[in-house]
């Protein structure tokens, strides 16, 4: 794949998880395609991915399923 940032070959699509909201309105989107380029070090979402993220965010109460997720707080130094 060709990187949209540097124009070199070698970019790969990886799947990631993104969180949105806070408190009771927090939710996760799993399997979000993220393009990563080993040449320039950039990571980015395509326009199509961003459009789908916005669609999910707009309708998240209808498209999500509830799951229990363990949560830990980070207490180390910055």
PDB file of N, CA and C in Angstrom:
ATOM      1  N   UNK A   1       0.846  -1.176   0.000  1.00  0.00           N
ATOM      2  CA  UNK A   1       0.000   0.000   0.000  1.00  0.00           C
ATOM      3  C   UNK A   1       0.891   1.239   0.000  1.00  0.00           C
ATOM      4  N   UNK A   2       0.473   2.263  -0.680  1.00  0.00           N
ATOM      5  CA  UNK A   2       1.224   3.522  -0.733  1.00  0.00           C
ATOM      6  C   UNK A   2       0.721   4.465   0.352  1.00  0.00           C
ATOM      7  N   UNK A   3       1.646   5.030   1.106  1.00  0.00           N
ATOM      8  CA  UNK A   3       1.320   5.954   2.195  1.00  0.00           C
ATOM      9  C   UNK A   3       0.798   7.270   1.623  1.00  0.00           C
ATOM     10  N   UNK A   4      -0.316   7.744   2.159  1.00  0.00           N
ATOM     11  CA  UNK A   4      -0.879   9.025   1.732  1.00  0.00           C
ATOM     12  C   UNK A   4      -0.052  10.208   2.226  1.00  0.00           C
ATOM     13  N   UNK A   5       0.799   9.999   3.221  1.00  0.00           N
ATOM     14  CA  UNK A   5       1.601  11.079   3.793  1.00  0.00           C
ATOM     15  C   UNK A   5       2.920  11.261   3.032  1.00  0.00           C
ATOM     16  N   UNK A   6       3.705  10.176   2.907  1.00  0.00           N
ATOM     17  CA  UNK A   6       5.027  10.294   2.291  1.00  0.00           C
ATOM     18  C   UNK A   6       5.076   9.782   0.848  1.00  0.00           C
ATOM     19  N   UNK A   7       4.049   9.045   0.431  1.00  0.00           N
ATOM     20  CA  UNK A   7       3.995   8.553  -0.944  1.00  0.00           C
ATOM     21  C   UNK A   7       4.822   7.303  -1.220  1.00  0.00           C
ATOM     22  N   UNK A   8       5.417   6.719  -0.175  1.00  0.00           N
ATOM     23  CA  UNK A   8       6.238   5.517  -0.364  1.00  0.00           C
ATOM     24  C   UNK A   8       5.414   4.255  -0.143  1.00  0.00           C
ATOM     25  N   UNK A   9       5.878   3.172  -0.759  1.00  0.00           N
ATOM     26  CA  UNK A   9       5.236   1.872  -0.565  1.00  0.00           C
ATOM     27  C   UNK A   9       5.611   1.303   0.804  1.00  0.00           C
ATOM     28  N   UNK A  10       4.761   0.440   1.302  1.00  0.00           N
ATOM     29  CA  UNK A  10       5.064  -0.242   2.561  1.00  0.00           C
ATOM     30  C   UNK A  10       4.054   0.004   3.666  1.00  0.00           C
ATOM     31  N   UNK A  11       3.132   0.928   3.460  1.00  0.00           N
ATOM     32  CA  UNK A  11       2.120   1.182   4.489  1.00  0.00           C
ATOM     33  C   UNK A  11       1.253  -0.064   4.650  1.00  0.00           C
ATOM     34  N   UNK A  12       0.847  -0.341   5.880  1.00  0.00           N
ATOM     35  CA  UNK A  12       0.031  -1.517   6.189  1.00  0.00           C
ATOM     36  C   UNK A  12      -1.188  -1.096   7.002  1.00  0.00           C
ATOM     37  N   UNK A  13      -2.261  -1.831   6.829  1.00  0.00           N
ATOM     38  CA  UNK A  13      -3.465  -1.587   7.614  1.00  0.00           C
ATOM     39  C   UNK A  13      -3.432  -2.494   8.834  1.00  0.00           C
ATOM     40  N   UNK A  14      -3.597  -1.899   9.995  1.00  0.00           N
ATOM     41  CA  UNK A  14      -3.679  -2.619  11.263  1.00  0.00           C
ATOM     42  C   UNK A  14      -5.062  -2.335  11.851  1.00  0.00           C
ATOM     43  N   UNK A  15      -5.554  -3.252  12.636  1.00  0.00           N
ATOM     44  CA  UNK A  15      -6.841  -3.058  13.300  1.00  0.00           C
ATOM     45  C   UNK A  15      -6.582  -2.600  14.726  1.00  0.00           C
ATOM     46  N   UNK A  16      -7.353  -1.608  15.177  1.00  0.00           N
ATOM     47  CA  UNK A  16      -7.166  -1.053  16.505  1.00  0.00           C
ATOM     48  C   UNK A  16      -8.509  -0.855  17.182  1.00  0.00           C
ATOM     49  N   UNK A  17      -8.477  -0.472  18.437  1.00  0.00           N
ATOM     50  CA  UNK A  17      -9.673  -0.170  19.211  1.00  0.00           C
ATOM     51  C   UNK A  17      -9.626   1.310  19.573  1.00  0.00           C
ATOM     52  N   UNK A  18     -10.741   1.979  19.448  1.00  0.00           N
ATOM     53  CA  UNK A  18     -10.822   3.392  19.820  1.00  0.00           C
ATOM     54  C   UNK A  18     -11.940   3.571  20.828  1.00  0.00           C
ATOM     55  N   UNK A  19     -11.711   4.442  21.813  1.00  0.00           N
ATOM     56  CA  UNK A  19     -12.734   4.740  22.808  1.00  0.00           C
ATOM     57  C   UNK A  19     -13.301   6.129  22.554  1.00  0.00           C
ATOM     58  N   UNK A  20     -14.563   6.289  22.890  1.00  0.00           N
ATOM     59  CA  UNK A  20     -15.244   7.574  22.717  1.00  0.00           C
ATOM     60  C   UNK A  20     -16.133   7.821  23.920  1.00  0.00           C
ATOM     61  N   UNK A  21     -16.383   9.077  24.219  1.00  0.00           N
ATOM     62  CA  UNK A  21     -17.260   9.438  25.322  1.00  0.00           C
ATOM     63  C   UNK A  21     -16.596   9.275  26.672  1.00  0.00           C
ATOM     64  N   UNK A  22     -17.417   9.468  27.719  1.00  0.00           N
ATOM     65  CA  UNK A  22     -16.940   9.340  29.092  1.00  0.00           C
ATOM     66  C   UNK A  22     -18.097   8.897  29.974  1.00  0.00           C
ATOM     67  N   UNK A  23     -17.743   8.286  31.094  1.00  0.00           N
ATOM     68  CA  UNK A  23     -18.769   7.855  32.042  1.00  0.00           C
ATOM     69  C   UNK A  23     -19.722   6.852  31.425  1.00  0.00           C
ATOM     70  N   UNK A  24     -21.019   7.045  31.638  1.00  0.00           N
ATOM     71  CA  UNK A  24     -22.030   6.112  31.133  1.00  0.00           C
ATOM     72  C   UNK A  24     -22.216   6.194  29.624  1.00  0.00           C
ATOM     73  N   UNK A  25     -21.720   7.238  29.006  1.00  0.00           N
ATOM     74  CA  UNK A  25     -21.839   7.350  27.552  1.00  0.00           C
ATOM     75  C   UNK A  25     -20.567   6.924  26.827  1.00  0.00           C
ATOM     76  N   UNK A  26     -19.642   6.285  27.555  1.00  0.00           N
ATOM     77  CA  UNK A  26     -18.406   5.798  26.936  1.00  0.00           C
ATOM     78  C   UNK A  26     -18.677   4.505  26.178  1.00  0.00           C
ATOM     79  N   UNK A  27     -17.996   4.350  25.054  1.00  0.00           N
ATOM     80  CA  UNK A  27     -18.102   3.110  24.283  1.00  0.00           C
ATOM     81  C   UNK A  27     -16.832   2.898  23.482  1.00  0.00           C
ATOM     82  N   UNK A  28     -16.621   1.663  23.016  1.00  0.00           N
ATOM     83  CA  UNK A  28     -15.459   1.276  22.221  1.00  0.00           C
ATOM     84  C   UNK A  28     -15.900   0.946  20.805  1.00  0.00           C
ATOM     85  N   UNK A  29     -15.016   1.190  19.871  1.00  0.00           N
ATOM     86  CA  UNK A  29     -15.194   0.675  18.513  1.00  0.00           C
ATOM     87  C   UNK A  29     -14.011  -0.246  18.271  1.00  0.00           C
ATOM     88  N   UNK A  30     -14.297  -1.526  18.059  1.00  0.00           N
ATOM     89  CA  UNK A  30     -13.254  -2.519  17.813  1.00  0.00           C
ATOM     90  C   UNK A  30     -13.024  -2.705  16.326  1.00  0.00           C
ATOM     91  N   UNK A  31     -11.798  -3.092  15.963  1.00  0.00           N
ATOM     92  CA  UNK A  31     -11.483  -3.432  14.578  1.00  0.00           C
ATOM     93  C   UNK A  31     -11.393  -2.253  13.630  1.00  0.00           C
ATOM     94  N   UNK A  32     -11.068  -1.084  14.140  1.00  0.00           N
ATOM     95  CA  UNK A  32     -10.961   0.112  13.301  1.00  0.00           C
ATOM     96  C   UNK A  32      -9.674   0.032  12.473  1.00  0.00           C
ATOM     97  N   UNK A  33      -9.776   0.116  11.141  1.00  0.00           N
ATOM     98  CA  UNK A  33      -8.566   0.043  10.311  1.00  0.00           C
ATOM     99  C   UNK A  33      -7.739   1.331  10.413  1.00  0.00           C
ATOM    100  N   UNK A  34      -6.487   1.164  10.775  1.00  0.00           N
ATOM    101  CA  UNK A  34      -5.543   2.263  10.922  1.00  0.00           C
ATOM    102  C   UNK A  34      -4.372   1.996   9.985  1.00  0.00           C
ATOM    103  N   UNK A  35      -4.041   2.950   9.144  1.00  0.00           N
ATOM    104  CA  UNK A  35      -2.920   2.795   8.218  1.00  0.00           C
ATOM    105  C   UNK A  35      -1.653   3.253   8.932  1.00  0.00           C
ATOM    106  N   UNK A  36      -0.625   2.406   8.923  1.00  0.00           N
ATOM    107  CA  UNK A  36       0.664   2.745   9.542  1.00  0.00           C
ATOM    108  C   UNK A  36       1.757   2.626   8.492  1.00  0.00           C
ATOM    109  N   UNK A  37       2.622   3.622   8.443  1.00  0.00           N
ATOM    110  CA  UNK A  37       3.716   3.636   7.480  1.00  0.00           C
ATOM    111  C   UNK A  37       5.055   3.468   8.203  1.00  0.00           C
ATOM    112  N   UNK A  38       5.826   2.432   7.865  1.00  0.00           N
ATOM    113  CA  UNK A  38       7.130   2.245   8.497  1.00  0.00           C
ATOM    114  C   UNK A  38       8.183   3.233   7.989  1.00  0.00           C
ATOM    115  N   UNK A  39       7.925   3.845   6.842  1.00  0.00           N
ATOM    116  CA  UNK A  39       8.900   4.780   6.267  1.00  0.00           C
ATOM    117  C   UNK A  39       8.893   6.135   6.963  1.00  0.00           C
ATOM    118  N   UNK A  40       7.711   6.719   7.124  1.00  0.00           N
ATOM    119  CA  UNK A  40       7.638   8.055   7.735  1.00  0.00           C
ATOM    120  C   UNK A  40       7.159   8.004   9.181  1.00  0.00           C
ATOM    121  N   UNK A  41       6.685   6.835   9.629  1.00  0.00           N
ATOM    122  CA  UNK A  41       6.252   6.686  11.012  1.00  0.00           C
ATOM    123  C   UNK A  41       4.853   7.191  11.303  1.00  0.00           C
ATOM    124  N   UNK A  42       4.137   7.645  10.289  1.00  0.00           N
ATOM    125  CA  UNK A  42       2.792   8.181  10.495  1.00  0.00           C
ATOM    126  C   UNK A  42       1.747   7.075  10.576  1.00  0.00           C
ATOM    127  N   UNK A  43       0.695   7.349  11.322  1.00  0.00           N
ATOM    128  CA  UNK A  43      -0.487   6.501  11.397  1.00  0.00           C
ATOM    129  C   UNK A  43      -1.677   7.392  11.110  1.00  0.00           C
ATOM    130  N   UNK A  44      -2.613   6.887  10.306  1.00  0.00           N
ATOM    131  CA  UNK A  44      -3.775   7.718   9.965  1.00  0.00           C
ATOM    132  C   UNK A  44      -4.966   6.866   9.577  1.00  0.00           C
ATOM    133  N   UNK A  45      -6.140   7.484   9.672  1.00  0.00           N
ATOM    134  CA  UNK A  45      -7.375   6.861   9.228  1.00  0.00           C
ATOM    135  C   UNK A  45      -7.697   7.387   7.836  1.00  0.00           C
ATOM    136  N   UNK A  46      -8.243   6.524   6.987  1.00  0.00           N
ATOM    137  CA  UNK A  46      -8.684   6.977   5.666  1.00  0.00           C
ATOM    138  C   UNK A  46      -9.986   7.753   5.819  1.00  0.00           C
ATOM    139  N   UNK A  47     -10.366   8.466   4.771  1.00  0.00           N
ATOM    140  CA  UNK A  47     -11.616   9.232   4.782  1.00  0.00           C
ATOM    141  C   UNK A  47     -12.809   8.303   4.992  1.00  0.00           C
ATOM    142  N   UNK A  48     -12.779   7.143   4.362  1.00  0.00           N
ATOM    143  CA  UNK A  48     -13.885   6.181   4.509  1.00  0.00           C
ATOM    144  C   UNK A  48     -13.990   5.691   5.955  1.00  0.00           C
ATOM    145  N   UNK A  49     -12.846   5.458   6.597  1.00  0.00           N
ATOM    146  CA  UNK A  49     -12.855   5.030   7.993  1.00  0.00           C
ATOM    147  C   UNK A  49     -13.413   6.124   8.889  1.00  0.00           C
ATOM    148  N   UNK A  50     -12.989   7.360   8.673  1.00  0.00           N
ATOM    149  CA  UNK A  50     -13.492   8.474   9.474  1.00  0.00           C
ATOM    150  C   UNK A  50     -14.998   8.658   9.304  1.00  0.00           C
ATOM    151  N   UNK A  51     -15.474   8.461   8.083  1.00  0.00           N
ATOM    152  CA  UNK A  51     -16.916   8.572   7.824  1.00  0.00           C
ATOM    153  C   UNK A  51     -17.688   7.509   8.596  1.00  0.00           C
ATOM    154  N   UNK A  52     -17.158   6.281   8.621  1.00  0.00           N
ATOM    155  CA  UNK A  52     -17.816   5.198   9.348  1.00  0.00           C
ATOM    156  C   UNK A  52     -17.748   5.430  10.854  1.00  0.00           C
ATOM    157  N   UNK A  53     -16.636   5.951  11.357  1.00  0.00           N
ATOM    158  CA  UNK A  53     -16.528   6.276  12.781  1.00  0.00           C
ATOM    159  C   UNK A  53     -17.586   7.302  13.160  1.00  0.00           C
ATOM    160  N   UNK A  54     -17.761   8.322  12.347  1.00  0.00           N
ATOM    161  CA  UNK A  54     -18.768   9.346  12.630  1.00  0.00           C
ATOM    162  C   UNK A  54     -20.177   8.764  12.604  1.00  0.00           C
ATOM    163  N   UNK A  55     -20.444   7.834  11.677  1.00  0.00           N
ATOM    164  CA  UNK A  55     -21.753   7.192  11.621  1.00  0.00           C
ATOM    165  C   UNK A  55     -22.006   6.402  12.899  1.00  0.00           C
ATOM    166  N   UNK A  56     -21.003   5.651  13.339  1.00  0.00           N
ATOM    167  CA  UNK A  56     -21.128   4.874  14.568  1.00  0.00           C
ATOM    168  C   UNK A  56     -21.316   5.790  15.769  1.00  0.00           C
ATOM    169  N   UNK A  57     -20.555   6.858  15.844  1.00  0.00           N
ATOM    170  CA  UNK A  57     -20.673   7.805  16.964  1.00  0.00           C
ATOM    171  C   UNK A  57     -22.064   8.425  17.023  1.00  0.00           C
ATOM    172  N   UNK A  58     -22.625   8.712  15.878  1.00  0.00           N
ATOM    173  CA  UNK A  58     -23.957   9.330  15.816  1.00  0.00           C
ATOM    174  C   UNK A  58     -25.042   8.367  16.299  1.00  0.00           C
ATOM    175  N   UNK A  59     -24.888   7.072  15.991  1.00  0.00           N
ATOM    176  CA  UNK A  59     -25.905   6.073  16.300  1.00  0.00           C
ATOM    177  C   UNK A  59     -25.425   5.029  17.303  1.00  0.00           C
ATOM    178  N   UNK A  60     -24.475   5.385  18.158  1.00  0.00           N
ATOM    179  CA  UNK A  60     -23.820   4.387  18.988  1.00  0.00           C
ATOM    180  C   UNK A  60     -24.777   3.609  19.877  1.00  0.00           C
ATOM    181  N   UNK A  61     -25.835   4.216  20.359  1.00  0.00           N
ATOM    182  CA  UNK A  61     -26.772   3.498  21.234  1.00  0.00           C
ATOM    183  C   UNK A  61     -27.495   2.376  20.490  1.00  0.00           C
ATOM    184  N   UNK A  62     -27.649   2.506  19.181  1.00  0.00           N
ATOM    185  CA  UNK A  62     -28.344   1.501  18.377  1.00  0.00           C
ATOM    186  C   UNK A  62     -27.398   0.410  17.872  1.00  0.00           C
ATOM    187  N   UNK A  63     -26.125   0.730  17.681  1.00  0.00           N
ATOM    188  CA  UNK A  63     -25.214  -0.226  17.036  1.00  0.00           C
ATOM    189  C   UNK A  63     -24.254  -0.938  17.993  1.00  0.00           C
ATOM    190  N   UNK A  64     -24.280  -0.566  19.271  1.00  0.00           N
ATOM    191  CA  UNK A  64     -23.367  -1.209  20.212  1.00  0.00           C
ATOM    192  C   UNK A  64     -24.055  -2.352  20.952  1.00  0.00           C
ATOM    193  N   UNK A  65     -23.244  -3.275  21.438  1.00  0.00           N
ATOM    194  CA  UNK A  65     -23.716  -4.328  22.331  1.00  0.00           C
ATOM    195  C   UNK A  65     -22.971  -4.151  23.647  1.00  0.00           C
ATOM    196  N   UNK A  66     -23.666  -4.373  24.732  1.00  0.00           N
ATOM    197  CA  UNK A  66     -23.059  -4.153  26.031  1.00  0.00           C
ATOM    198  C   UNK A  66     -22.188  -5.338  26.430  1.00  0.00           C
ATOM    199  N   UNK A  67     -20.969  -5.028  26.889  1.00  0.00           N
ATOM    200  CA  UNK A  67     -20.026  -6.029  27.382  1.00  0.00           C
ATOM    201  C   UNK A  67     -19.393  -5.488  28.654  1.00  0.00           C
ATOM    202  N   UNK A  68     -19.027  -6.393  29.526  1.00  0.00           N
ATOM    203  CA  UNK A  68     -18.312  -5.985  30.736  1.00  0.00           C
ATOM    204  C   UNK A  68     -16.818  -5.963  30.405  1.00  0.00           C
ATOM    205  N   UNK A  69     -16.168  -4.863  30.744  1.00  0.00           N
ATOM    206  CA  UNK A  69     -14.744  -4.700  30.452  1.00  0.00           C
ATOM    207  C   UNK A  69     -14.007  -4.298  31.723  1.00  0.00           C
ATOM    208  N   UNK A  70     -12.974  -5.041  32.117  1.00  0.00           N
ATOM    209  CA  UNK A  70     -12.187  -4.624  33.262  1.00  0.00           C
ATOM    210  C   UNK A  70     -11.401  -3.345  32.937  1.00  0.00           C
ATOM    211  N   UNK A  71     -11.308  -2.458  33.908  1.00  0.00           N
ATOM    212  CA  UNK A  71     -10.631  -1.171  33.693  1.00  0.00           C
ATOM    213  C   UNK A  71      -9.598  -0.968  34.792  1.00  0.00           C
ATOM    214  N   UNK A  72      -8.396  -0.540  34.401  1.00  0.00           N
ATOM    215  CA  UNK A  72      -7.333  -0.236  35.359  1.00  0.00           C
ATOM    216  C   UNK A  72      -6.950   1.233  35.203  1.00  0.00           C
ATOM    217  N   UNK A  73      -6.559   1.874  36.308  1.00  0.00           N
ATOM    218  CA  UNK A  73      -6.097   3.251  36.269  1.00  0.00           C
ATOM    219  C   UNK A  73      -4.581   3.263  36.222  1.00  0.00           C
ATOM    220  N   UNK A  74      -4.029   4.133  35.380  1.00  0.00           N
ATOM    221  CA  UNK A  74      -2.588   4.292  35.287  1.00  0.00           C
ATOM    222  C   UNK A  74      -2.139   5.235  36.391  1.00  0.00           C
ATOM    223  N   UNK A  75      -1.201   4.790  37.217  1.00  0.00           N
ATOM    224  CA  UNK A  75      -0.751   5.603  38.332  1.00  0.00           C
ATOM    225  C   UNK A  75       0.733   5.928  38.263  1.00  0.00           C
ATOM    226  N   UNK A  76       1.369   5.623  37.147  1.00  0.00           N
ATOM    227  CA  UNK A  76       2.795   5.884  37.010  1.00  0.00           C
ATOM    228  C   UNK A  76       3.076   7.345  36.671  1.00  0.00           C
ATOM    229  N   UNK A  77       4.348   7.651  36.550  1.00  0.00           N
ATOM    230  CA  UNK A  77       4.774   9.001  36.188  1.00  0.00           C
ATOM    231  C   UNK A  77       4.470   9.273  34.721  1.00  0.00           C
ATOM    232  N   UNK A  78       4.327  10.538  34.399  1.00  0.00           N
ATOM    233  CA  UNK A  78       4.023  10.943  33.013  1.00  0.00           C
ATOM    234  C   UNK A  78       5.199  10.786  32.108  1.00  0.00           C
TER     235      UNK A  78
END
